[in-house]
Each structure stands twice: as C-alpha cells, then as structure tokens.
mmCIF file of all heavy atoms, coordinates in Angstrom:
data_MODEL
# 
_entry.id   MODEL 
# 
loop_
_atom_site.group_PDB 
_atom_site.id 
_atom_site.type_symbol 
_atom_site.label_atom_id 
_atom_site.label_alt_id 
_atom_site.label_comp_id 
_atom_site.label_asym_id 
_atom_site.label_entity_id 
_atom_site.label_seq_id 
_atom_site.pdbx_PDB_ins_code 
_atom_site.Cartn_x 
_atom_site.Cartn_y 
_atom_site.Cartn_z 
_atom_site.occupancy 
_atom_site.B_iso_or_equiv 
_atom_site.pdbx_formal_charge 
_atom_site.auth_seq_id 
_atom_site.auth_comp_id 
_atom_site.auth_asym_id 
_atom_site.auth_atom_id 
_atom_site.pdbx_PDB_model_num 
ATOM 1   N N   . SER A 1 1  ? 94.944  106.545 94.499 1.00 0.00 ? 1  SER A N   1 
ATOM 2   C CA  . SER A 1 1  ? 95.995  106.699 93.503 1.00 0.00 ? 1  SER A CA  1 
ATOM 3   C C   . SER A 1 1  ? 97.325  106.358 94.160 1.00 0.00 ? 1  SER A C   1 
ATOM 4   O O   . SER A 1 1  ? 97.422  106.323 95.392 1.00 0.00 ? 1  SER A O   1 
ATOM 5   C CB  . SER A 1 1  ? 96.022  108.122 92.927 1.00 0.00 ? 1  SER A CB  1 
ATOM 6   O OG  . SER A 1 1  ? 96.221  109.071 93.953 1.00 0.00 ? 1  SER A OG  1 
ATOM 7   N N   . TYR A 1 2  ? 98.323  106.117 93.349 1.00 0.00 ? 2  TYR A N   1 
ATOM 8   C CA  . TYR A 1 2  ? 99.608  105.642 93.859 1.00 0.00 ? 2  TYR A CA  1 
ATOM 9   C C   . TYR A 1 2  ? 100.738 106.575 93.438 1.00 0.00 ? 2  TYR A C   1 
ATOM 10  O O   . TYR A 1 2  ? 100.632 107.309 92.454 1.00 0.00 ? 2  TYR A O   1 
ATOM 11  C CB  . TYR A 1 2  ? 99.883  104.221 93.351 1.00 0.00 ? 2  TYR A CB  1 
ATOM 12  C CG  . TYR A 1 2  ? 98.887  103.215 93.866 1.00 0.00 ? 2  TYR A CG  1 
ATOM 13  C CD1 . TYR A 1 2  ? 97.658  103.033 93.230 1.00 0.00 ? 2  TYR A CD1 1 
ATOM 14  C CD2 . TYR A 1 2  ? 99.143  102.461 95.005 1.00 0.00 ? 2  TYR A CD2 1 
ATOM 15  C CE1 . TYR A 1 2  ? 96.723  102.129 93.708 1.00 0.00 ? 2  TYR A CE1 1 
ATOM 16  C CE2 . TYR A 1 2  ? 98.217  101.558 95.488 1.00 0.00 ? 2  TYR A CE2 1 
ATOM 17  C CZ  . TYR A 1 2  ? 97.006  101.393 94.843 1.00 0.00 ? 2  TYR A CZ  1 
ATOM 18  O OH  . TYR A 1 2  ? 96.083  100.506 95.328 1.00 0.00 ? 2  TYR A OH  1 
ATOM 19  N N   . LYS A 1 3  ? 101.832 106.516 94.191 1.00 0.00 ? 3  LYS A N   1 
ATOM 20  C CA  . LYS A 1 3  ? 102.958 107.400 93.909 1.00 0.00 ? 3  LYS A CA  1 
ATOM 21  C C   . LYS A 1 3  ? 103.719 106.980 92.658 1.00 0.00 ? 3  LYS A C   1 
ATOM 22  O O   . LYS A 1 3  ? 104.396 107.783 92.033 1.00 0.00 ? 3  LYS A O   1 
ATOM 23  C CB  . LYS A 1 3  ? 103.903 107.445 95.111 1.00 0.00 ? 3  LYS A CB  1 
ATOM 24  C CG  . LYS A 1 3  ? 103.297 108.135 96.319 1.00 0.00 ? 3  LYS A CG  1 
ATOM 25  C CD  . LYS A 1 3  ? 104.209 108.103 97.514 1.00 0.00 ? 3  LYS A CD  1 
ATOM 26  C CE  . LYS A 1 3  ? 105.399 109.013 97.360 1.00 0.00 ? 3  LYS A CE  1 
ATOM 27  N NZ  . LYS A 1 3  ? 106.194 109.105 98.603 1.00 0.00 ? 3  LYS A NZ  1 
ATOM 28  N N   . ASN A 1 4  ? 103.632 105.711 92.304 1.00 0.00 ? 4  ASN A N   1 
ATOM 29  C CA  . ASN A 1 4  ? 104.274 105.282 91.059 1.00 0.00 ? 4  ASN A CA  1 
ATOM 30  C C   . ASN A 1 4  ? 103.436 104.178 90.415 1.00 0.00 ? 4  ASN A C   1 
ATOM 31  O O   . ASN A 1 4  ? 102.702 103.453 91.109 1.00 0.00 ? 4  ASN A O   1 
ATOM 32  C CB  . ASN A 1 4  ? 105.723 104.825 91.302 1.00 0.00 ? 4  ASN A CB  1 
ATOM 33  C CG  . ASN A 1 4  ? 105.812 103.574 92.140 1.00 0.00 ? 4  ASN A CG  1 
ATOM 34  O OD1 . ASN A 1 4  ? 105.434 102.492 91.683 1.00 0.00 ? 4  ASN A OD1 1 
ATOM 35  N ND2 . ASN A 1 4  ? 106.322 103.694 93.368 1.00 0.00 ? 4  ASN A ND2 1 
ATOM 36  N N   . PRO A 1 5  ? 103.525 104.033 89.107 1.00 0.00 ? 5  PRO A N   1 
ATOM 37  C CA  . PRO A 1 5  ? 102.666 103.081 88.380 1.00 0.00 ? 5  PRO A CA  1 
ATOM 38  C C   . PRO A 1 5  ? 102.921 101.624 88.747 1.00 0.00 ? 5  PRO A C   1 
ATOM 39  O O   . PRO A 1 5  ? 102.016 100.790 88.615 1.00 0.00 ? 5  PRO A O   1 
ATOM 40  C CB  . PRO A 1 5  ? 102.993 103.348 86.907 1.00 0.00 ? 5  PRO A CB  1 
ATOM 41  C CG  . PRO A 1 5  ? 104.311 104.037 86.916 1.00 0.00 ? 5  PRO A CG  1 
ATOM 42  C CD  . PRO A 1 5  ? 104.342 104.835 88.178 1.00 0.00 ? 5  PRO A CD  1 
ATOM 43  N N   . THR A 1 6  ? 104.117 101.297 89.216 1.00 0.00 ? 6  THR A N   1 
ATOM 44  C CA  . THR A 1 6  ? 104.428 99.908  89.569 1.00 0.00 ? 6  THR A CA  1 
ATOM 45  C C   . THR A 1 6  ? 103.562 99.427  90.726 1.00 0.00 ? 6  THR A C   1 
ATOM 46  O O   . THR A 1 6  ? 103.109 98.278  90.738 1.00 0.00 ? 6  THR A O   1 
ATOM 47  C CB  . THR A 1 6  ? 105.917 99.762  89.945 1.00 0.00 ? 6  THR A CB  1 
ATOM 48  O OG1 . THR A 1 6  ? 106.718 100.219 88.852 1.00 0.00 ? 6  THR A OG1 1 
ATOM 49  C CG2 . THR A 1 6  ? 106.259 98.316  90.241 1.00 0.00 ? 6  THR A CG2 1 
ATOM 50  N N   . GLU A 1 7  ? 103.322 100.304 91.681 1.00 0.00 ? 7  GLU A N   1 
ATOM 51  C CA  . GLU A 1 7  ? 102.497 99.937  92.829 1.00 0.00 ? 7  GLU A CA  1 
ATOM 52  C C   . GLU A 1 7  ? 101.065 99.640  92.397 1.00 0.00 ? 7  GLU A C   1 
ATOM 53  O O   . GLU A 1 7  ? 100.466 98.653  92.841 1.00 0.00 ? 7  GLU A O   1 
ATOM 54  C CB  . GLU A 1 7  ? 102.525 101.068 93.865 1.00 0.00 ? 7  GLU A CB  1 
ATOM 55  C CG  . GLU A 1 7  ? 103.890 101.288 94.496 1.00 0.00 ? 7  GLU A CG  1 
ATOM 56  C CD  . GLU A 1 7  ? 103.945 102.536 95.342 1.00 0.00 ? 7  GLU A CD  1 
ATOM 57  O OE1 . GLU A 1 7  ? 103.116 103.445 95.143 1.00 0.00 ? 7  GLU A OE1 1 
ATOM 58  O OE2 . GLU A 1 7  ? 104.826 102.615 96.216 1.00 0.00 ? 7  GLU A OE2 1 
ATOM 59  N N   . LYS A 1 8  ? 100.519 100.491 91.561 1.00 0.00 ? 8  LYS A N   1 
ATOM 60  C CA  . LYS A 1 8  ? 99.153  100.262 91.060 1.00 0.00 ? 8  LYS A CA  1 
ATOM 61  C C   . LYS A 1 8  ? 99.084  98.987  90.229 1.00 0.00 ? 8  LYS A C   1 
ATOM 62  O O   . LYS A 1 8  ? 98.126  98.210  90.340 1.00 0.00 ? 8  LYS A O   1 
ATOM 63  C CB  . LYS A 1 8  ? 98.681  101.455 90.227 1.00 0.00 ? 8  LYS A CB  1 
ATOM 64  C CG  . LYS A 1 8  ? 97.234  101.320 89.744 1.00 0.00 ? 8  LYS A CG  1 
ATOM 65  C CD  . LYS A 1 8  ? 96.804  102.514 88.939 1.00 0.00 ? 8  LYS A CD  1 
ATOM 66  C CE  . LYS A 1 8  ? 95.306  102.453 88.621 1.00 0.00 ? 8  LYS A CE  1 
ATOM 67  N NZ  . LYS A 1 8  ? 94.898  101.199 87.981 1.00 0.00 ? 8  LYS A NZ  1 
ATOM 68  N N   . GLU A 1 9  ? 100.112 98.773  89.411 1.00 0.00 ? 9  GLU A N   1 
ATOM 69  C CA  . GLU A 1 9  ? 100.151 97.569  88.585 1.00 0.00 ? 9  GLU A CA  1 
ATOM 70  C C   . GLU A 1 9  ? 100.119 96.317  89.449 1.00 0.00 ? 9  GLU A C   1 
ATOM 71  O O   . GLU A 1 9  ? 99.448  95.330  89.124 1.00 0.00 ? 9  GLU A O   1 
ATOM 72  C CB  . GLU A 1 9  ? 101.421 97.581  87.731 1.00 0.00 ? 9  GLU A CB  1 
ATOM 73  C CG  . GLU A 1 9  ? 101.562 96.374  86.810 1.00 0.00 ? 9  GLU A CG  1 
ATOM 74  C CD  . GLU A 1 9  ? 102.869 96.388  86.035 1.00 0.00 ? 9  GLU A CD  1 
ATOM 75  O OE1 . GLU A 1 9  ? 103.726 97.246  86.317 1.00 0.00 ? 9  GLU A OE1 1 
ATOM 76  O OE2 . GLU A 1 9  ? 103.039 95.520  85.156 1.00 0.00 ? 9  GLU A OE2 1 
ATOM 77  N N   . TYR A 1 10 ? 100.828 96.360  90.568 1.00 0.00 ? 10 TYR A N   1 
ATOM 78  C CA  . TYR A 1 10 ? 100.877 95.210  91.476 1.00 0.00 ? 10 TYR A CA  1 
ATOM 79  C C   . TYR A 1 10 ? 99.496  94.925  92.073 1.00 0.00 ? 10 TYR A C   1 
ATOM 80  O O   . TYR A 1 10 ? 99.036  93.778  92.085 1.00 0.00 ? 10 TYR A O   1 
ATOM 81  C CB  . TYR A 1 10 ? 101.886 95.473  92.585 1.00 0.00 ? 10 TYR A CB  1 
ATOM 82  C CG  . TYR A 1 10 ? 101.983 94.365  93.599 1.00 0.00 ? 10 TYR A CG  1 
ATOM 83  C CD1 . TYR A 1 10 ? 102.570 93.143  93.277 1.00 0.00 ? 10 TYR A CD1 1 
ATOM 84  C CD2 . TYR A 1 10 ? 101.469 94.524  94.889 1.00 0.00 ? 10 TYR A CD2 1 
ATOM 85  C CE1 . TYR A 1 10 ? 102.654 92.118  94.206 1.00 0.00 ? 10 TYR A CE1 1 
ATOM 86  C CE2 . TYR A 1 10 ? 101.547 93.507  95.823 1.00 0.00 ? 10 TYR A CE2 1 
ATOM 87  C CZ  . TYR A 1 10 ? 102.146 92.306  95.481 1.00 0.00 ? 10 TYR A CZ  1 
ATOM 88  O OH  . TYR A 1 10 ? 102.215 91.294  96.405 1.00 0.00 ? 10 TYR A OH  1 
ATOM 89  N N   . VAL A 1 11 ? 98.831  95.967  92.555 1.00 0.00 ? 11 VAL A N   1 
ATOM 90  C CA  . VAL A 1 11 ? 97.500  95.794  93.152 1.00 0.00 ? 11 VAL A CA  1 
ATOM 91  C C   . VAL A 1 11 ? 96.501  95.308  92.107 1.00 0.00 ? 11 VAL A C   1 
ATOM 92  O O   . VAL A 1 11 ? 95.700  94.397  92.375 1.00 0.00 ? 11 VAL A O   1 
ATOM 93  C CB  . VAL A 1 11 ? 97.021  97.115  93.797 1.00 0.00 ? 11 VAL A CB  1 
ATOM 94  C CG1 . VAL A 1 11 ? 95.557  97.009  94.219 1.00 0.00 ? 11 VAL A CG1 1 
ATOM 95  C CG2 . VAL A 1 11 ? 97.892  97.474  94.989 1.00 0.00 ? 11 VAL A CG2 1 
ATOM 96  N N   . ASP A 1 12 ? 96.544  95.889  90.910 1.00 0.00 ? 12 ASP A N   1 
ATOM 97  C CA  . ASP A 1 12 ? 95.645  95.460  89.839 1.00 0.00 ? 12 ASP A CA  1 
ATOM 98  C C   . ASP A 1 12 ? 95.903  94.002  89.460 1.00 0.00 ? 12 ASP A C   1 
ATOM 99  O O   . ASP A 1 12 ? 94.963  93.251  89.146 1.00 0.00 ? 12 ASP A O   1 
ATOM 100 C CB  . ASP A 1 12 ? 95.824  96.347  88.607 1.00 0.00 ? 12 ASP A CB  1 
ATOM 101 C CG  . ASP A 1 12 ? 95.263  97.745  88.805 1.00 0.00 ? 12 ASP A CG  1 
ATOM 102 O OD1 . ASP A 1 12 ? 94.493  97.941  89.767 1.00 0.00 ? 12 ASP A OD1 1 
ATOM 103 O OD2 . ASP A 1 12 ? 95.596  98.642  88.003 1.00 0.00 ? 12 ASP A OD2 1 
ATOM 104 N N   . PHE A 1 13 ? 97.171  93.609  89.478 1.00 0.00 ? 13 PHE A N   1 
ATOM 105 C CA  . PHE A 1 13 ? 97.528  92.225  89.163 1.00 0.00 ? 13 PHE A CA  1 
ATOM 106 C C   . PHE A 1 13 ? 96.919  91.261  90.182 1.00 0.00 ? 13 PHE A C   1 
ATOM 107 O O   . PHE A 1 13 ? 96.340  90.227  89.809 1.00 0.00 ? 13 PHE A O   1 
ATOM 108 C CB  . PHE A 1 13 ? 99.047  92.066  89.142 1.00 0.00 ? 13 PHE A CB  1 
ATOM 109 C CG  . PHE A 1 13 ? 99.512  90.629  89.047 1.00 0.00 ? 13 PHE A CG  1 
ATOM 110 C CD1 . PHE A 1 13 ? 99.460  89.935  87.854 1.00 0.00 ? 13 PHE A CD1 1 
ATOM 111 C CD2 . PHE A 1 13 ? 99.999  89.972  90.181 1.00 0.00 ? 13 PHE A CD2 1 
ATOM 112 C CE1 . PHE A 1 13 ? 99.881  88.608  87.770 1.00 0.00 ? 13 PHE A CE1 1 
ATOM 113 C CE2 . PHE A 1 13 ? 100.417 88.648  90.104 1.00 0.00 ? 13 PHE A CE2 1 
ATOM 114 C CZ  . PHE A 1 13 ? 100.360 87.961  88.895 1.00 0.00 ? 13 PHE A CZ  1 
ATOM 115 N N   . LEU A 1 14 ? 97.022  91.591  91.456 1.00 0.00 ? 14 LEU A N   1 
ATOM 116 C CA  . LEU A 1 14 ? 96.451  90.727  92.500 1.00 0.00 ? 14 LEU A CA  1 
ATOM 117 C C   . LEU A 1 14 ? 94.946  90.589  92.323 1.00 0.00 ? 14 LEU A C   1 
ATOM 118 O O   . LEU A 1 14 ? 94.390  89.494  92.468 1.00 0.00 ? 14 LEU A O   1 
ATOM 119 C CB  . LEU A 1 14 ? 96.771  91.293  93.889 1.00 0.00 ? 14 LEU A CB  1 
ATOM 120 C CG  . LEU A 1 14 ? 98.229  91.260  94.330 1.00 0.00 ? 14 LEU A CG  1 
ATOM 121 C CD1 . LEU A 1 14 ? 98.367  91.877  95.721 1.00 0.00 ? 14 LEU A CD1 1 
ATOM 122 C CD2 . LEU A 1 14 ? 98.778  89.832  94.342 1.00 0.00 ? 14 LEU A CD2 1 
ATOM 123 N N   . TRP A 1 15 ? 94.277  91.704  92.020 1.00 0.00 ? 15 TRP A N   1 
ATOM 124 C CA  . TRP A 1 15 ? 92.828  91.649  91.825 1.00 0.00 ? 15 TRP A CA  1 
ATOM 125 C C   . TRP A 1 15 ? 92.482  90.773  90.626 1.00 0.00 ? 15 TRP A C   1 
ATOM 126 O O   . TRP A 1 15 ? 91.546  89.984  90.671 1.00 0.00 ? 15 TRP A O   1 
ATOM 127 C CB  . TRP A 1 15 ? 92.256  93.053  91.644 1.00 0.00 ? 15 TRP A CB  1 
ATOM 128 C CG  . TRP A 1 15 ? 90.782  93.046  91.355 1.00 0.00 ? 15 TRP A CG  1 
ATOM 129 C CD1 . TRP A 1 15 ? 90.168  93.309  90.172 1.00 0.00 ? 15 TRP A CD1 1 
ATOM 130 C CD2 . TRP A 1 15 ? 89.727  92.708  92.275 1.00 0.00 ? 15 TRP A CD2 1 
ATOM 131 N NE1 . TRP A 1 15 ? 88.803  93.179  90.292 1.00 0.00 ? 15 TRP A NE1 1 
ATOM 132 C CE2 . TRP A 1 15 ? 88.508  92.813  91.569 1.00 0.00 ? 15 TRP A CE2 1 
ATOM 133 C CE3 . TRP A 1 15 ? 89.701  92.348  93.614 1.00 0.00 ? 15 TRP A CE3 1 
ATOM 134 C CZ2 . TRP A 1 15 ? 87.272  92.570  92.173 1.00 0.00 ? 15 TRP A CZ2 1 
ATOM 135 C CZ3 . TRP A 1 15 ? 88.468  92.090  94.216 1.00 0.00 ? 15 TRP A CZ3 1 
ATOM 136 C CH2 . TRP A 1 15 ? 87.278  92.195  93.501 1.00 0.00 ? 15 TRP A CH2 1 
ATOM 137 N N   . ASP A 1 16 ? 93.236  90.897  89.552 1.00 0.00 ? 16 ASP A N   1 
ATOM 138 C CA  . ASP A 1 16 ? 92.997  90.098  88.357 1.00 0.00 ? 16 ASP A CA  1 
ATOM 139 C C   . ASP A 1 16 ? 93.184  88.608  88.654 1.00 0.00 ? 16 ASP A C   1 
ATOM 140 O O   . ASP A 1 16 ? 92.392  87.767  88.199 1.00 0.00 ? 16 ASP A O   1 
ATOM 141 C CB  . ASP A 1 16 ? 93.942  90.535  87.244 1.00 0.00 ? 16 ASP A CB  1 
ATOM 142 C CG  . ASP A 1 16 ? 93.685  89.778  85.940 1.00 0.00 ? 16 ASP A CG  1 
ATOM 143 O OD1 . ASP A 1 16 ? 92.576  89.882  85.401 1.00 0.00 ? 16 ASP A OD1 1 
ATOM 144 O OD2 . ASP A 1 16 ? 94.601  89.064  85.484 1.00 0.00 ? 16 ASP A OD2 1 
ATOM 145 N N   . VAL A 1 17 ? 94.210  88.279  89.432 1.00 0.00 ? 17 VAL A N   1 
ATOM 146 C CA  . VAL A 1 17 ? 94.450  86.883  89.814 1.00 0.00 ? 17 VAL A CA  1 
ATOM 147 C C   . VAL A 1 17 ? 93.279  86.371  90.647 1.00 0.00 ? 17 VAL A C   1 
ATOM 148 O O   . VAL A 1 17 ? 92.807  85.241  90.463 1.00 0.00 ? 17 VAL A O   1 
ATOM 149 C CB  . VAL A 1 17 ? 95.771  86.746  90.594 1.00 0.00 ? 17 VAL A CB  1 
ATOM 150 C CG1 . VAL A 1 17 ? 95.908  85.340  91.172 1.00 0.00 ? 17 VAL A CG1 1 
ATOM 151 C CG2 . VAL A 1 17 ? 96.961  87.055  89.684 1.00 0.00 ? 17 VAL A CG2 1 
ATOM 152 N N   . PHE A 1 18 ? 92.813  87.206  91.566 1.00 0.00 ? 18 PHE A N   1 
ATOM 153 C CA  . PHE A 1 18 ? 91.671  86.816  92.397 1.00 0.00 ? 18 PHE A CA  1 
ATOM 154 C C   . PHE A 1 18 ? 90.441  86.537  91.540 1.00 0.00 ? 18 PHE A C   1 
ATOM 155 O O   . PHE A 1 18 ? 89.812  85.478  91.658 1.00 0.00 ? 18 PHE A O   1 
ATOM 156 C CB  . PHE A 1 18 ? 91.354  87.911  93.415 1.00 0.00 ? 18 PHE A CB  1 
ATOM 157 C CG  . PHE A 1 18 ? 90.005  87.752  94.063 1.00 0.00 ? 18 PHE A CG  1 
ATOM 158 C CD1 . PHE A 1 18 ? 89.781  86.768  95.016 1.00 0.00 ? 18 PHE A CD1 1 
ATOM 159 C CD2 . PHE A 1 18 ? 88.937  88.559  93.680 1.00 0.00 ? 18 PHE A CD2 1 
ATOM 160 C CE1 . PHE A 1 18 ? 88.525  86.603  95.594 1.00 0.00 ? 18 PHE A CE1 1 
ATOM 161 C CE2 . PHE A 1 18 ? 87.685  88.403  94.249 1.00 0.00 ? 18 PHE A CE2 1 
ATOM 162 C CZ  . PHE A 1 18 ? 87.480  87.418  95.206 1.00 0.00 ? 18 PHE A CZ  1 
ATOM 163 N N   . VAL A 1 19 ? 90.092  87.477  90.665 1.00 0.00 ? 19 VAL A N   1 
ATOM 164 C CA  . VAL A 1 19 ? 88.883  87.350  89.836 1.00 0.00 ? 19 VAL A CA  1 
ATOM 165 C C   . VAL A 1 19 ? 88.972  86.126  88.926 1.00 0.00 ? 19 VAL A C   1 
ATOM 166 O O   . VAL A 1 19 ? 88.013  85.344  88.805 1.00 0.00 ? 19 VAL A O   1 
ATOM 167 C CB  . VAL A 1 19 ? 88.657  88.625  89.002 1.00 0.00 ? 19 VAL A CB  1 
ATOM 168 C CG1 . VAL A 1 19 ? 87.545  88.414  87.979 1.00 0.00 ? 19 VAL A CG1 1 
ATOM 169 C CG2 . VAL A 1 19 ? 88.323  89.801  89.908 1.00 0.00 ? 19 VAL A CG2 1 
ATOM 170 N N   . THR A 1 20 ? 90.118  85.942  88.288 1.00 0.00 ? 20 THR A N   1 
ATOM 171 C CA  . THR A 1 20 ? 90.303  84.817  87.365 1.00 0.00 ? 20 THR A CA  1 
ATOM 172 C C   . THR A 1 20 ? 90.088  83.484  88.063 1.00 0.00 ? 20 THR A C   1 
ATOM 173 O O   . THR A 1 20 ? 89.376  82.600  87.556 1.00 0.00 ? 20 THR A O   1 
ATOM 174 C CB  . THR A 1 20 ? 91.707  84.861  86.734 1.00 0.00 ? 20 THR A CB  1 
ATOM 175 O OG1 . THR A 1 20 ? 91.863  86.090  86.014 1.00 0.00 ? 20 THR A OG1 1 
ATOM 176 C CG2 . THR A 1 20 ? 91.908  83.691  85.783 1.00 0.00 ? 20 THR A CG2 1 
ATOM 177 N N   . ASN A 1 21 ? 90.701  83.328  89.231 1.00 0.00 ? 21 ASN A N   1 
ATOM 178 C CA  . ASN A 1 21 ? 90.584  82.058  89.964 1.00 0.00 ? 21 ASN A CA  1 
ATOM 179 C C   . ASN A 1 21 ? 89.212  81.897  90.615 1.00 0.00 ? 21 ASN A C   1 
ATOM 180 O O   . ASN A 1 21 ? 88.694  80.781  90.706 1.00 0.00 ? 21 ASN A O   1 
ATOM 181 C CB  . ASN A 1 21 ? 91.682  81.965  91.024 1.00 0.00 ? 21 ASN A CB  1 
ATOM 182 C CG  . ASN A 1 21 ? 93.031  81.610  90.433 1.00 0.00 ? 21 ASN A CG  1 
ATOM 183 O OD1 . ASN A 1 21 ? 93.282  80.462  90.077 1.00 0.00 ? 21 ASN A OD1 1 
ATOM 184 N ND2 . ASN A 1 21 ? 93.899  82.597  90.308 1.00 0.00 ? 21 ASN A ND2 1 
ATOM 185 N N   . TYR A 1 22 ? 88.612  82.999  91.042 1.00 0.00 ? 22 TYR A N   1 
ATOM 186 C CA  . TYR A 1 22 ? 87.272  82.940  91.629 1.00 0.00 ? 22 TYR A CA  1 
ATOM 187 C C   . TYR A 1 22 ? 86.271  82.439  90.588 1.00 0.00 ? 22 TYR A C   1 
ATOM 188 O O   . TYR A 1 22 ? 85.463  81.536  90.857 1.00 0.00 ? 22 TYR A O   1 
ATOM 189 C CB  . TYR A 1 22 ? 86.880  84.326  92.128 1.00 0.00 ? 22 TYR A CB  1 
ATOM 190 C CG  . TYR A 1 22 ? 85.610  84.369  92.942 1.00 0.00 ? 22 TYR A CG  1 
ATOM 191 C CD1 . TYR A 1 22 ? 85.642  84.349  94.337 1.00 0.00 ? 22 TYR A CD1 1 
ATOM 192 C CD2 . TYR A 1 22 ? 84.360  84.461  92.327 1.00 0.00 ? 22 TYR A CD2 1 
ATOM 193 C CE1 . TYR A 1 22 ? 84.471  84.408  95.091 1.00 0.00 ? 22 TYR A CE1 1 
ATOM 194 C CE2 . TYR A 1 22 ? 83.188  84.523  93.058 1.00 0.00 ? 22 TYR A CE2 1 
ATOM 195 C CZ  . TYR A 1 22 ? 83.248  84.492  94.440 1.00 0.00 ? 22 TYR A CZ  1 
ATOM 196 O OH  . TYR A 1 22 ? 82.088  84.539  95.175 1.00 0.00 ? 22 TYR A OH  1 
ATOM 197 N N   . LYS A 1 23 ? 86.321  83.017  89.396 1.00 0.00 ? 23 LYS A N   1 
ATOM 198 C CA  . LYS A 1 23 ? 85.397  82.624  88.340 1.00 0.00 ? 23 LYS A CA  1 
ATOM 199 C C   . LYS A 1 23 ? 85.639  81.197  87.868 1.00 0.00 ? 23 LYS A C   1 
ATOM 200 O O   . LYS A 1 23 ? 84.712  80.510  87.421 1.00 0.00 ? 23 LYS A O   1 
ATOM 201 C CB  . LYS A 1 23 ? 85.510  83.591  87.165 1.00 0.00 ? 23 LYS A CB  1 
ATOM 202 C CG  . LYS A 1 23 ? 84.967  84.978  87.467 1.00 0.00 ? 23 LYS A CG  1 
ATOM 203 C CD  . LYS A 1 23 ? 85.078  85.893  86.248 1.00 0.00 ? 23 LYS A CD  1 
ATOM 204 C CE  . LYS A 1 23 ? 84.450  87.255  86.518 1.00 0.00 ? 23 LYS A CE  1 
ATOM 205 N NZ  . LYS A 1 23 ? 84.584  88.164  85.357 1.00 0.00 ? 23 LYS A NZ  1 
ATOM 206 N N   . ALA A 1 24 ? 86.891  80.743  87.962 1.00 0.00 ? 24 ALA A N   1 
ATOM 207 C CA  . ALA A 1 24 ? 87.233  79.391  87.513 1.00 0.00 ? 24 ALA A CA  1 
ATOM 208 C C   . ALA A 1 24 ? 86.995  78.346  88.605 1.00 0.00 ? 24 ALA A C   1 
ATOM 209 O O   . ALA A 1 24 ? 87.201  77.142  88.373 1.00 0.00 ? 24 ALA A O   1 
ATOM 210 C CB  . ALA A 1 24 ? 88.697  79.342  87.072 1.00 0.00 ? 24 ALA A CB  1 
ATOM 211 N N   . GLY A 1 25 ? 86.548  78.797  89.779 1.00 0.00 ? 25 GLY A N   1 
ATOM 212 C CA  . GLY A 1 25 ? 86.315  77.862  90.877 1.00 0.00 ? 25 GLY A CA  1 
ATOM 213 C C   . GLY A 1 25 ? 87.583  77.393  91.551 1.00 0.00 ? 25 GLY A C   1 
ATOM 214 O O   . GLY A 1 25 ? 87.557  76.430  92.331 1.00 0.00 ? 25 GLY A O   1 
ATOM 215 N N   . LYS A 1 26 ? 88.694  78.068  91.307 1.00 0.00 ? 26 LYS A N   1 
ATOM 216 C CA  . LYS A 1 26 ? 89.968  77.739  91.958 1.00 0.00 ? 26 LYS A CA  1 
ATOM 217 C C   . LYS A 1 26 ? 90.086  78.583  93.231 1.00 0.00 ? 26 LYS A C   1 
ATOM 218 O O   . LYS A 1 26 ? 90.918  79.478  93.366 1.00 0.00 ? 26 LYS A O   1 
ATOM 219 C CB  . LYS A 1 26 ? 91.142  78.019  91.015 1.00 0.00 ? 26 LYS A CB  1 
ATOM 220 C CG  . LYS A 1 26 ? 91.031  77.351  89.647 1.00 0.00 ? 26 LYS A CG  1 
ATOM 221 C CD  . LYS A 1 26 ? 91.031  75.833  89.756 1.00 0.00 ? 26 LYS A CD  1 
ATOM 222 C CE  . LYS A 1 26 ? 91.010  75.181  88.379 1.00 0.00 ? 26 LYS A CE  1 
ATOM 223 N NZ  . LYS A 1 26 ? 90.944  73.696  88.447 1.00 0.00 ? 26 LYS A NZ  1 
ATOM 224 N N   . TYR A 1 27 ? 89.217  78.272  94.177 1.00 0.00 ? 27 TYR A N   1 
ATOM 225 C CA  . TYR A 1 27 ? 89.048  79.135  95.340 1.00 0.00 ? 27 TYR A CA  1 
ATOM 226 C C   . TYR A 1 27 ? 90.275  79.253  96.246 1.00 0.00 ? 27 TYR A C   1 
ATOM 227 O O   . TYR A 1 27 ? 90.533  80.338  96.787 1.00 0.00 ? 27 TYR A O   1 
ATOM 228 C CB  . TYR A 1 27 ? 87.823  78.679  96.136 1.00 0.00 ? 27 TYR A CB  1 
ATOM 229 C CG  . TYR A 1 27 ? 86.560  78.720  95.315 1.00 0.00 ? 27 TYR A CG  1 
ATOM 230 C CD1 . TYR A 1 27 ? 85.808  77.565  95.097 1.00 0.00 ? 27 TYR A CD1 1 
ATOM 231 C CD2 . TYR A 1 27 ? 86.124  79.908  94.729 1.00 0.00 ? 27 TYR A CD2 1 
ATOM 232 C CE1 . TYR A 1 27 ? 84.653  77.601  94.318 1.00 0.00 ? 27 TYR A CE1 1 
ATOM 233 C CE2 . TYR A 1 27 ? 84.981  79.955  93.956 1.00 0.00 ? 27 TYR A CE2 1 
ATOM 234 C CZ  . TYR A 1 27 ? 84.246  78.798  93.749 1.00 0.00 ? 27 TYR A CZ  1 
ATOM 235 O OH  . TYR A 1 27 ? 83.110  78.839  92.981 1.00 0.00 ? 27 TYR A OH  1 
# 
C-alpha cells in the first residue's frame, strides 16, 4: 500500500503501459 494515491496511480500506470505494449508485441 502507498502513503498517497498518486504514488499507487503511478505504479499502476507503468504496469498498464507494460502489459499493453507486451500484448501488442511492442517489446
């Protein structure tokens, strides 16, 4: 868990970017 929601939002955003590009073959 994080001390503020912005930090969690940032980490979740990075994971989403990773998954999106991984699935699209944009390695």
